[in-house]
Amino acid sequence: MVRRRSVRILNHCHVEAMNKRRFFVIFLLAVIFIAALLSASCREEGQVVSKPDEYTRGFEASENTILRVIIHVFRENGFGNAKIDSEKNRVESDYITQSGWRSKCIARVKKINWNECDVTLSVITEKKTSTGWEMRKLLGKDQYDNLFNAIELQIYREMYKVK
């Protein structure tokens, strides 16, 4: 009989300890979740800039192919209607406006030689303020790399179609 009582007491203590651990883990996860939300909300405001970022990458394709590919990638990524300015070798999308923000993409293509071109990509993001539209930096290098990778993949698809 004595043994049964000690087992019951140990089980009761064990259950209390487990409940405390669960509470601590749940509390810790809630704190981490709230901290992640706060840090993400701070990033959404972006950093005020006077000039948008521009990144450049080289591709092995003709200017016309790259211009067509860029239009396809812009439409695929939700940047709206894009237009080619063939005189300036430039693709420019319309402004996409959503809940106080607007974005626009510009891509310039520069011929290096008969087979290679450089593409300079710039995403302009602006926030509506009481004084008008204010340019902000929201995208980092990783997002530009994702756009360049999409362009490269679409170039390979276009080249495959031609052959």
N, C-alpha and C. Protein backbone atom coordinates (compact mmCIF):
# COMPACT_ATOMS: atom_id res chain seq x y z
N MET A 1 0.79 -1.19 0.00
CA MET A 1 0.00 0.00 0.00
C MET A 1 0.84 1.27 0.00
N VAL A 2 1.89 1.23 0.70
CA VAL A 2 2.73 2.40 0.78
C VAL A 2 3.30 2.72 -0.60
N ARG A 3 3.62 1.69 -1.30
CA ARG A 3 4.18 1.91 -2.62
C ARG A 3 3.19 2.58 -3.56
N ARG A 4 1.95 2.19 -3.51
CA ARG A 4 0.95 2.77 -4.38
C ARG A 4 0.79 4.26 -4.12
N ARG A 5 0.80 4.66 -2.88
CA ARG A 5 0.68 6.07 -2.56
C ARG A 5 1.86 6.86 -3.12
N SER A 6 3.06 6.33 -2.99
CA SER A 6 4.22 7.05 -3.50
C SER A 6 4.18 7.15 -5.02
N VAL A 7 3.67 6.14 -5.69
CA VAL A 7 3.54 6.18 -7.13
C VAL A 7 2.52 7.24 -7.53
N ARG A 8 1.41 7.31 -6.82
CA ARG A 8 0.40 8.32 -7.11
C ARG A 8 0.96 9.73 -6.90
N ILE A 9 1.72 9.90 -5.84
CA ILE A 9 2.32 11.20 -5.56
C ILE A 9 3.31 11.56 -6.66
N LEU A 10 4.15 10.61 -7.07
CA LEU A 10 5.11 10.86 -8.13
C LEU A 10 4.40 11.18 -9.44
N ASN A 11 3.34 10.46 -9.75
CA ASN A 11 2.61 10.73 -10.98
C ASN A 11 1.99 12.13 -10.95
N HIS A 12 1.44 12.52 -9.79
CA HIS A 12 0.86 13.84 -9.66
C HIS A 12 1.92 14.93 -9.84
N CYS A 13 3.11 14.74 -9.25
CA CYS A 13 4.21 15.70 -9.42
C CYS A 13 4.68 15.74 -10.86
N HIS A 14 4.72 14.56 -11.48
CA HIS A 14 5.15 14.48 -12.87
C HIS A 14 4.17 15.23 -13.78
N VAL A 15 2.87 15.09 -13.52
CA VAL A 15 1.85 15.76 -14.32
C VAL A 15 1.96 17.27 -14.14
N GLU A 16 2.18 17.75 -12.93
CA GLU A 16 2.35 19.18 -12.70
C GLU A 16 3.57 19.72 -13.44
N ALA A 17 4.66 18.97 -13.40
CA ALA A 17 5.88 19.39 -14.10
C ALA A 17 5.64 19.45 -15.61
N MET A 18 4.93 18.48 -16.14
CA MET A 18 4.64 18.47 -17.57
C MET A 18 3.75 19.65 -17.95
N ASN A 19 2.77 19.97 -17.11
CA ASN A 19 1.90 21.12 -17.38
C ASN A 19 2.70 22.43 -17.38
N LYS A 20 3.63 22.56 -16.45
CA LYS A 20 4.48 23.75 -16.41
C LYS A 20 5.33 23.85 -17.67
N ARG A 21 5.88 22.73 -18.11
CA ARG A 21 6.70 22.73 -19.33
C ARG A 21 5.86 23.11 -20.54
N ARG A 22 4.67 22.55 -20.65
CA ARG A 22 3.78 22.87 -21.77
C ARG A 22 3.46 24.37 -21.78
N PHE A 23 3.13 24.89 -20.60
CA PHE A 23 2.81 26.31 -20.50
C PHE A 23 4.01 27.15 -20.94
N PHE A 24 5.20 26.77 -20.51
CA PHE A 24 6.41 27.52 -20.87
C PHE A 24 6.64 27.46 -22.38
N VAL A 25 6.50 26.29 -22.97
CA VAL A 25 6.71 26.13 -24.42
C VAL A 25 5.68 26.95 -25.19
N ILE A 26 4.41 26.89 -24.79
CA ILE A 26 3.37 27.65 -25.47
C ILE A 26 3.62 29.15 -25.33
N PHE A 27 4.01 29.57 -24.14
CA PHE A 27 4.32 30.98 -23.91
C PHE A 27 5.50 31.43 -24.78
N LEU A 28 6.54 30.60 -24.84
CA LEU A 28 7.72 30.92 -25.65
C LEU A 28 7.36 31.01 -27.13
N LEU A 29 6.55 30.08 -27.63
CA LEU A 29 6.14 30.12 -29.03
C LEU A 29 5.28 31.36 -29.32
N ALA A 30 4.43 31.74 -28.38
CA ALA A 30 3.62 32.95 -28.57
C ALA A 30 4.49 34.20 -28.65
N VAL A 31 5.51 34.27 -27.80
CA VAL A 31 6.43 35.42 -27.82
C VAL A 31 7.19 35.47 -29.15
N ILE A 32 7.66 34.33 -29.62
CA ILE A 32 8.38 34.28 -30.89
C ILE A 32 7.46 34.68 -32.04
N PHE A 33 6.22 34.20 -32.03
CA PHE A 33 5.25 34.53 -33.07
C PHE A 33 4.97 36.04 -33.10
N ILE A 34 4.76 36.62 -31.94
CA ILE A 34 4.48 38.06 -31.86
C ILE A 34 5.69 38.86 -32.32
N ALA A 35 6.90 38.43 -31.94
CA ALA A 35 8.10 39.14 -32.38
C ALA A 35 8.26 39.06 -33.90
N ALA A 36 7.94 37.90 -34.48
CA ALA A 36 8.03 37.77 -35.94
C ALA A 36 7.02 38.67 -36.64
N LEU A 37 5.81 38.76 -36.10
CA LEU A 37 4.81 39.64 -36.69
C LEU A 37 5.24 41.10 -36.62
N LEU A 38 5.79 41.49 -35.48
CA LEU A 38 6.23 42.88 -35.34
C LEU A 38 7.38 43.20 -36.28
N SER A 39 8.32 42.29 -36.43
CA SER A 39 9.44 42.56 -37.33
C SER A 39 8.99 42.60 -38.78
N ALA A 40 8.02 41.77 -39.15
CA ALA A 40 7.50 41.78 -40.53
C ALA A 40 6.71 43.06 -40.79
N SER A 41 5.98 43.53 -39.81
CA SER A 41 5.20 44.75 -40.02
C SER A 41 6.11 45.96 -40.17
N CYS A 42 7.26 45.95 -39.53
CA CYS A 42 8.20 47.06 -39.68
C CYS A 42 8.81 47.07 -41.07
N ARG A 43 9.05 45.89 -41.63
CA ARG A 43 9.64 45.80 -42.96
C ARG A 43 8.67 46.28 -44.03
N GLU A 44 7.39 46.14 -43.81
CA GLU A 44 6.41 46.50 -44.83
C GLU A 44 6.43 47.99 -45.13
N GLU A 45 6.78 48.80 -44.17
CA GLU A 45 6.83 50.24 -44.38
C GLU A 45 7.95 50.62 -45.34
N GLY A 46 9.01 49.87 -45.35
CA GLY A 46 10.11 50.13 -46.26
C GLY A 46 10.93 51.33 -45.85
N GLN A 47 12.02 51.47 -46.51
CA GLN A 47 12.97 52.55 -46.25
C GLN A 47 12.78 53.62 -47.33
N VAL A 48 12.66 54.86 -46.92
CA VAL A 48 12.46 55.96 -47.87
C VAL A 48 13.75 56.14 -48.68
N VAL A 49 13.61 56.20 -50.01
CA VAL A 49 14.77 56.38 -50.89
C VAL A 49 14.46 57.46 -51.92
N SER A 50 15.50 58.04 -52.48
CA SER A 50 15.30 59.05 -53.52
C SER A 50 15.43 58.45 -54.92
N LYS A 51 16.11 57.31 -55.02
CA LYS A 51 16.33 56.65 -56.30
C LYS A 51 16.12 55.15 -56.11
N PRO A 52 15.39 54.49 -57.01
CA PRO A 52 15.16 53.04 -56.84
C PRO A 52 16.44 52.23 -57.07
N ASP A 53 16.47 51.05 -56.47
CA ASP A 53 17.60 50.14 -56.69
C ASP A 53 17.59 49.63 -58.11
N GLU A 54 18.78 49.37 -58.64
CA GLU A 54 18.93 48.78 -59.96
C GLU A 54 19.94 47.65 -59.86
N TYR A 55 19.59 46.51 -60.43
CA TYR A 55 20.51 45.37 -60.46
C TYR A 55 20.64 44.92 -61.91
N THR A 56 21.82 44.45 -62.26
CA THR A 56 22.12 44.07 -63.64
C THR A 56 22.63 42.64 -63.68
N ARG A 57 22.20 41.93 -64.71
CA ARG A 57 22.69 40.56 -64.94
C ARG A 57 22.77 40.33 -66.45
N GLY A 58 23.75 39.56 -66.87
CA GLY A 58 23.94 39.26 -68.28
C GLY A 58 23.24 37.97 -68.69
N PHE A 59 22.75 37.95 -69.94
CA PHE A 59 22.08 36.78 -70.49
C PHE A 59 22.58 36.54 -71.90
N GLU A 60 22.55 35.27 -72.32
CA GLU A 60 22.95 34.90 -73.68
C GLU A 60 21.70 34.74 -74.53
N ALA A 61 21.29 35.83 -75.14
CA ALA A 61 20.14 35.82 -76.06
C ALA A 61 20.11 37.16 -76.78
N SER A 62 19.32 37.22 -77.83
CA SER A 62 19.21 38.47 -78.58
C SER A 62 18.33 39.47 -77.82
N GLU A 63 18.46 40.73 -78.20
CA GLU A 63 17.69 41.79 -77.53
C GLU A 63 16.19 41.55 -77.66
N ASN A 64 15.74 41.21 -78.85
CA ASN A 64 14.31 41.01 -79.08
C ASN A 64 13.76 39.86 -78.23
N THR A 65 14.51 38.78 -78.14
CA THR A 65 14.08 37.65 -77.32
C THR A 65 13.97 38.05 -75.86
N ILE A 66 14.96 38.76 -75.37
CA ILE A 66 14.96 39.17 -73.96
C ILE A 66 13.81 40.13 -73.68
N LEU A 67 13.52 41.06 -74.59
CA LEU A 67 12.41 41.99 -74.39
C LEU A 67 11.08 41.25 -74.31
N ARG A 68 10.87 40.27 -75.20
CA ARG A 68 9.63 39.47 -75.16
C ARG A 68 9.54 38.67 -73.87
N VAL A 69 10.67 38.12 -73.45
CA VAL A 69 10.70 37.31 -72.23
C VAL A 69 10.38 38.17 -71.01
N ILE A 70 10.91 39.36 -70.96
CA ILE A 70 10.68 40.24 -69.81
C ILE A 70 9.19 40.58 -69.70
N ILE A 71 8.55 40.87 -70.83
CA ILE A 71 7.10 41.14 -70.80
C ILE A 71 6.35 39.94 -70.23
N HIS A 72 6.72 38.75 -70.67
CA HIS A 72 6.07 37.53 -70.17
C HIS A 72 6.27 37.38 -68.66
N VAL A 73 7.48 37.61 -68.18
CA VAL A 73 7.78 37.47 -66.75
C VAL A 73 7.03 38.52 -65.93
N PHE A 74 6.97 39.75 -66.42
CA PHE A 74 6.22 40.80 -65.71
C PHE A 74 4.75 40.42 -65.57
N ARG A 75 4.15 39.95 -66.66
CA ARG A 75 2.74 39.56 -66.60
C ARG A 75 2.55 38.37 -65.68
N GLU A 76 3.46 37.43 -65.75
CA GLU A 76 3.38 36.22 -64.93
C GLU A 76 3.49 36.54 -63.44
N ASN A 77 4.26 37.56 -63.09
CA ASN A 77 4.46 37.93 -61.70
C ASN A 77 3.50 39.02 -61.22
N GLY A 78 2.51 39.34 -62.01
CA GLY A 78 1.45 40.26 -61.58
C GLY A 78 1.80 41.73 -61.65
N PHE A 79 2.71 42.11 -62.55
CA PHE A 79 3.05 43.52 -62.70
C PHE A 79 2.20 44.21 -63.76
N GLY A 80 1.15 43.56 -64.21
CA GLY A 80 0.21 44.19 -65.13
C GLY A 80 0.73 44.25 -66.55
N ASN A 81 0.16 45.17 -67.32
CA ASN A 81 0.53 45.34 -68.72
C ASN A 81 1.90 45.99 -68.83
N ALA A 82 2.71 45.44 -69.69
CA ALA A 82 4.03 46.00 -69.93
C ALA A 82 4.15 46.35 -71.40
N LYS A 83 4.94 47.38 -71.67
CA LYS A 83 5.12 47.85 -73.04
C LYS A 83 6.60 47.89 -73.38
N ILE A 84 6.89 47.55 -74.63
CA ILE A 84 8.27 47.60 -75.11
C ILE A 84 8.50 48.94 -75.80
N ASP A 85 9.57 49.60 -75.41
CA ASP A 85 10.05 50.78 -76.12
C ASP A 85 11.28 50.32 -76.89
N SER A 86 11.08 49.95 -78.16
CA SER A 86 12.16 49.34 -78.95
C SER A 86 13.28 50.31 -79.26
N GLU A 87 13.00 51.61 -79.28
CA GLU A 87 14.07 52.58 -79.53
C GLU A 87 15.07 52.63 -78.37
N LYS A 88 14.56 52.52 -77.17
CA LYS A 88 15.42 52.58 -75.98
C LYS A 88 15.77 51.20 -75.43
N ASN A 89 15.27 50.13 -76.09
CA ASN A 89 15.45 48.76 -75.59
C ASN A 89 15.05 48.67 -74.12
N ARG A 90 13.81 49.00 -73.88
CA ARG A 90 13.33 49.12 -72.51
C ARG A 90 11.92 48.54 -72.42
N VAL A 91 11.64 47.88 -71.30
CA VAL A 91 10.30 47.38 -71.01
C VAL A 91 9.85 48.06 -69.73
N GLU A 92 8.64 48.61 -69.78
CA GLU A 92 8.11 49.33 -68.62
C GLU A 92 6.68 48.85 -68.36
N SER A 93 6.40 48.50 -67.11
CA SER A 93 5.05 48.06 -66.75
C SER A 93 4.23 49.25 -66.29
N ASP A 94 2.93 49.06 -66.25
CA ASP A 94 2.04 50.08 -65.69
C ASP A 94 2.16 50.05 -64.17
N TYR A 95 1.72 51.12 -63.53
CA TYR A 95 1.65 51.11 -62.07
C TYR A 95 0.54 50.18 -61.62
N ILE A 96 0.84 49.35 -60.65
CA ILE A 96 -0.15 48.50 -60.01
C ILE A 96 -0.41 49.11 -58.65
N THR A 97 -1.65 49.56 -58.40
CA THR A 97 -1.99 50.22 -57.15
C THR A 97 -2.82 49.29 -56.28
N GLN A 98 -2.45 49.21 -55.00
CA GLN A 98 -3.18 48.36 -54.07
C GLN A 98 -3.01 48.87 -52.65
N SER A 99 -4.09 49.22 -52.01
CA SER A 99 -4.17 49.66 -50.61
C SER A 99 -3.07 50.64 -50.21
N GLY A 100 -3.00 51.75 -50.92
CA GLY A 100 -2.06 52.81 -50.56
C GLY A 100 -0.65 52.61 -51.06
N TRP A 101 -0.40 51.58 -51.83
CA TRP A 101 0.92 51.32 -52.41
C TRP A 101 0.78 51.21 -53.91
N ARG A 102 1.84 51.56 -54.63
CA ARG A 102 1.86 51.31 -56.07
C ARG A 102 3.27 50.88 -56.47
N SER A 103 3.32 50.00 -57.46
CA SER A 103 4.61 49.44 -57.93
C SER A 103 4.68 49.47 -59.44
N LYS A 104 5.88 49.57 -59.93
CA LYS A 104 6.14 49.62 -61.36
C LYS A 104 7.50 49.00 -61.61
N CYS A 105 7.62 48.24 -62.69
CA CYS A 105 8.90 47.61 -63.05
C CYS A 105 9.44 48.23 -64.33
N ILE A 106 10.75 48.40 -64.35
CA ILE A 106 11.43 48.90 -65.54
C ILE A 106 12.64 47.99 -65.79
N ALA A 107 12.77 47.55 -67.03
CA ALA A 107 13.92 46.72 -67.41
C ALA A 107 14.55 47.33 -68.66
N ARG A 108 15.86 47.54 -68.60
CA ARG A 108 16.61 48.06 -69.76
C ARG A 108 17.54 46.95 -70.26
N VAL A 109 17.58 46.80 -71.57
CA VAL A 109 18.42 45.77 -72.19
C VAL A 109 19.52 46.46 -72.97
N LYS A 110 20.75 46.06 -72.69
CA LYS A 110 21.91 46.64 -73.38
C LYS A 110 22.69 45.51 -74.06
N LYS A 111 22.88 45.68 -75.36
CA LYS A 111 23.59 44.66 -76.13
C LYS A 111 25.08 44.73 -75.84
N ILE A 112 25.66 43.59 -75.49
CA ILE A 112 27.10 43.50 -75.23
C ILE A 112 27.83 43.08 -76.50
N ASN A 113 27.40 41.99 -77.11
CA ASN A 113 27.92 41.54 -78.40
C ASN A 113 26.78 40.83 -79.14
N TRP A 114 27.08 40.12 -80.21
CA TRP A 114 26.05 39.53 -81.05
C TRP A 114 25.17 38.54 -80.31
N ASN A 115 25.66 38.02 -79.17
CA ASN A 115 24.98 36.92 -78.50
C ASN A 115 24.65 37.22 -77.03
N GLU A 116 25.15 38.30 -76.49
CA GLU A 116 24.96 38.59 -75.07
C GLU A 116 24.37 39.97 -74.85
N CYS A 117 23.53 40.04 -73.79
CA CYS A 117 22.92 41.32 -73.41
C CYS A 117 22.91 41.42 -71.88
N ASP A 118 23.01 42.65 -71.42
CA ASP A 118 22.84 42.94 -69.99
C ASP A 118 21.43 43.45 -69.77
N VAL A 119 20.80 42.98 -68.70
CA VAL A 119 19.48 43.44 -68.32
C VAL A 119 19.60 44.17 -66.98
N THR A 120 19.17 45.42 -66.95
CA THR A 120 19.15 46.20 -65.72
C THR A 120 17.70 46.30 -65.28
N LEU A 121 17.43 45.80 -64.09
CA LEU A 121 16.06 45.72 -63.58
C LEU A 121 15.89 46.64 -62.40
N SER A 122 14.76 47.35 -62.38
CA SER A 122 14.45 48.27 -61.29
C SER A 122 12.96 48.16 -60.97
N VAL A 123 12.64 48.00 -59.69
CA VAL A 123 11.25 47.95 -59.23
C VAL A 123 11.01 49.19 -58.38
N ILE A 124 10.09 50.03 -58.82
CA ILE A 124 9.77 51.27 -58.11
C ILE A 124 8.53 51.01 -57.26
N THR A 125 8.66 51.21 -55.96
CA THR A 125 7.54 51.03 -55.04
C THR A 125 7.31 52.34 -54.31
N GLU A 126 6.07 52.81 -54.32
CA GLU A 126 5.75 54.08 -53.69
C GLU A 126 4.58 53.90 -52.73
N LYS A 127 4.60 54.68 -51.65
CA LYS A 127 3.53 54.66 -50.66
C LYS A 127 2.81 56.00 -50.68
N LYS A 128 1.49 55.94 -50.59
CA LYS A 128 0.66 57.15 -50.57
C LYS A 128 0.77 57.79 -49.18
N THR A 129 1.19 59.05 -49.15
CA THR A 129 1.28 59.80 -47.90
C THR A 129 0.47 61.09 -48.05
N SER A 130 0.43 61.86 -46.99
CA SER A 130 -0.34 63.11 -47.04
C SER A 130 0.27 64.12 -48.02
N THR A 131 1.57 63.98 -48.30
CA THR A 131 2.24 64.90 -49.23
C THR A 131 2.29 64.38 -50.66
N GLY A 132 1.80 63.16 -50.88
CA GLY A 132 1.82 62.57 -52.21
C GLY A 132 2.45 61.19 -52.17
N TRP A 133 2.95 60.74 -53.31
CA TRP A 133 3.58 59.43 -53.39
C TRP A 133 5.03 59.54 -52.96
N GLU A 134 5.44 58.65 -52.07
CA GLU A 134 6.80 58.65 -51.53
C GLU A 134 7.47 57.33 -51.88
N MET A 135 8.64 57.40 -52.53
CA MET A 135 9.34 56.20 -52.97
C MET A 135 9.94 55.46 -51.78
N ARG A 136 9.72 54.13 -51.73
CA ARG A 136 10.21 53.29 -50.65
C ARG A 136 10.96 52.09 -51.22
N LYS A 137 11.88 51.59 -50.44
CA LYS A 137 12.61 50.38 -50.82
C LYS A 137 12.01 49.21 -50.05
N LEU A 138 11.41 48.28 -50.80
CA LEU A 138 10.83 47.10 -50.18
C LEU A 138 11.55 45.83 -50.57
N LEU A 139 12.01 45.77 -51.81
CA LEU A 139 12.64 44.55 -52.31
C LEU A 139 14.13 44.52 -52.00
N GLY A 140 14.60 43.34 -51.70
CA GLY A 140 16.03 43.15 -51.50
C GLY A 140 16.64 42.45 -52.70
N LYS A 141 17.92 42.18 -52.62
CA LYS A 141 18.63 41.53 -53.71
C LYS A 141 18.06 40.16 -54.02
N ASP A 142 17.57 39.45 -53.01
CA ASP A 142 17.00 38.12 -53.23
C ASP A 142 15.79 38.16 -54.15
N GLN A 143 14.92 39.16 -53.98
CA GLN A 143 13.75 39.27 -54.84
C GLN A 143 14.15 39.60 -56.27
N TYR A 144 15.16 40.46 -56.43
CA TYR A 144 15.66 40.74 -57.78
C TYR A 144 16.26 39.48 -58.40
N ASP A 145 16.99 38.71 -57.60
CA ASP A 145 17.56 37.46 -58.10
C ASP A 145 16.45 36.51 -58.56
N ASN A 146 15.33 36.47 -57.83
CA ASN A 146 14.21 35.63 -58.23
C ASN A 146 13.65 36.07 -59.59
N LEU A 147 13.55 37.39 -59.80
CA LEU A 147 13.08 37.88 -61.10
C LEU A 147 14.07 37.54 -62.21
N PHE A 148 15.37 37.70 -61.94
CA PHE A 148 16.37 37.35 -62.94
C PHE A 148 16.34 35.85 -63.25
N ASN A 149 16.14 35.03 -62.24
CA ASN A 149 16.05 33.58 -62.48
C ASN A 149 14.82 33.24 -63.32
N ALA A 150 13.71 33.93 -63.07
CA ALA A 150 12.52 33.70 -63.89
C ALA A 150 12.77 34.12 -65.33
N ILE A 151 13.48 35.23 -65.53
CA ILE A 151 13.82 35.68 -66.88
C ILE A 151 14.71 34.64 -67.57
N GLU A 152 15.70 34.15 -66.86
CA GLU A 152 16.61 33.16 -67.44
C GLU A 152 15.86 31.89 -67.83
N LEU A 153 14.98 31.43 -66.96
CA LEU A 153 14.20 30.23 -67.26
C LEU A 153 13.31 30.44 -68.48
N GLN A 154 12.70 31.61 -68.58
CA GLN A 154 11.84 31.90 -69.73
C GLN A 154 12.66 32.03 -71.02
N ILE A 155 13.89 32.52 -70.92
CA ILE A 155 14.77 32.57 -72.10
C ILE A 155 15.01 31.16 -72.62
N TYR A 156 15.29 30.23 -71.72
CA TYR A 156 15.50 28.84 -72.13
C TYR A 156 14.24 28.27 -72.78
N ARG A 157 13.07 28.59 -72.25
CA ARG A 157 11.82 28.12 -72.86
C ARG A 157 11.65 28.69 -74.26
N GLU A 158 11.94 30.00 -74.43
CA GLU A 158 11.81 30.63 -75.75
C GLU A 158 12.79 30.00 -76.73
N MET A 159 14.02 29.74 -76.31
CA MET A 159 15.01 29.14 -77.20
C MET A 159 14.59 27.74 -77.59
N TYR A 160 13.97 27.02 -76.68
CA TYR A 160 13.51 25.66 -76.98
C TYR A 160 12.39 25.70 -78.01
N LYS A 161 11.50 26.69 -77.92
CA LYS A 161 10.39 26.82 -78.87
C LYS A 161 10.90 27.07 -80.28
N VAL A 162 11.97 27.87 -80.42
CA VAL A 162 12.48 28.25 -81.73
C VAL A 162 13.07 27.05 -82.45
N LYS A 163 13.74 26.20 -81.72
CA LYS A 163 14.44 25.07 -82.36
C LYS A 163 13.53 23.98 -82.77
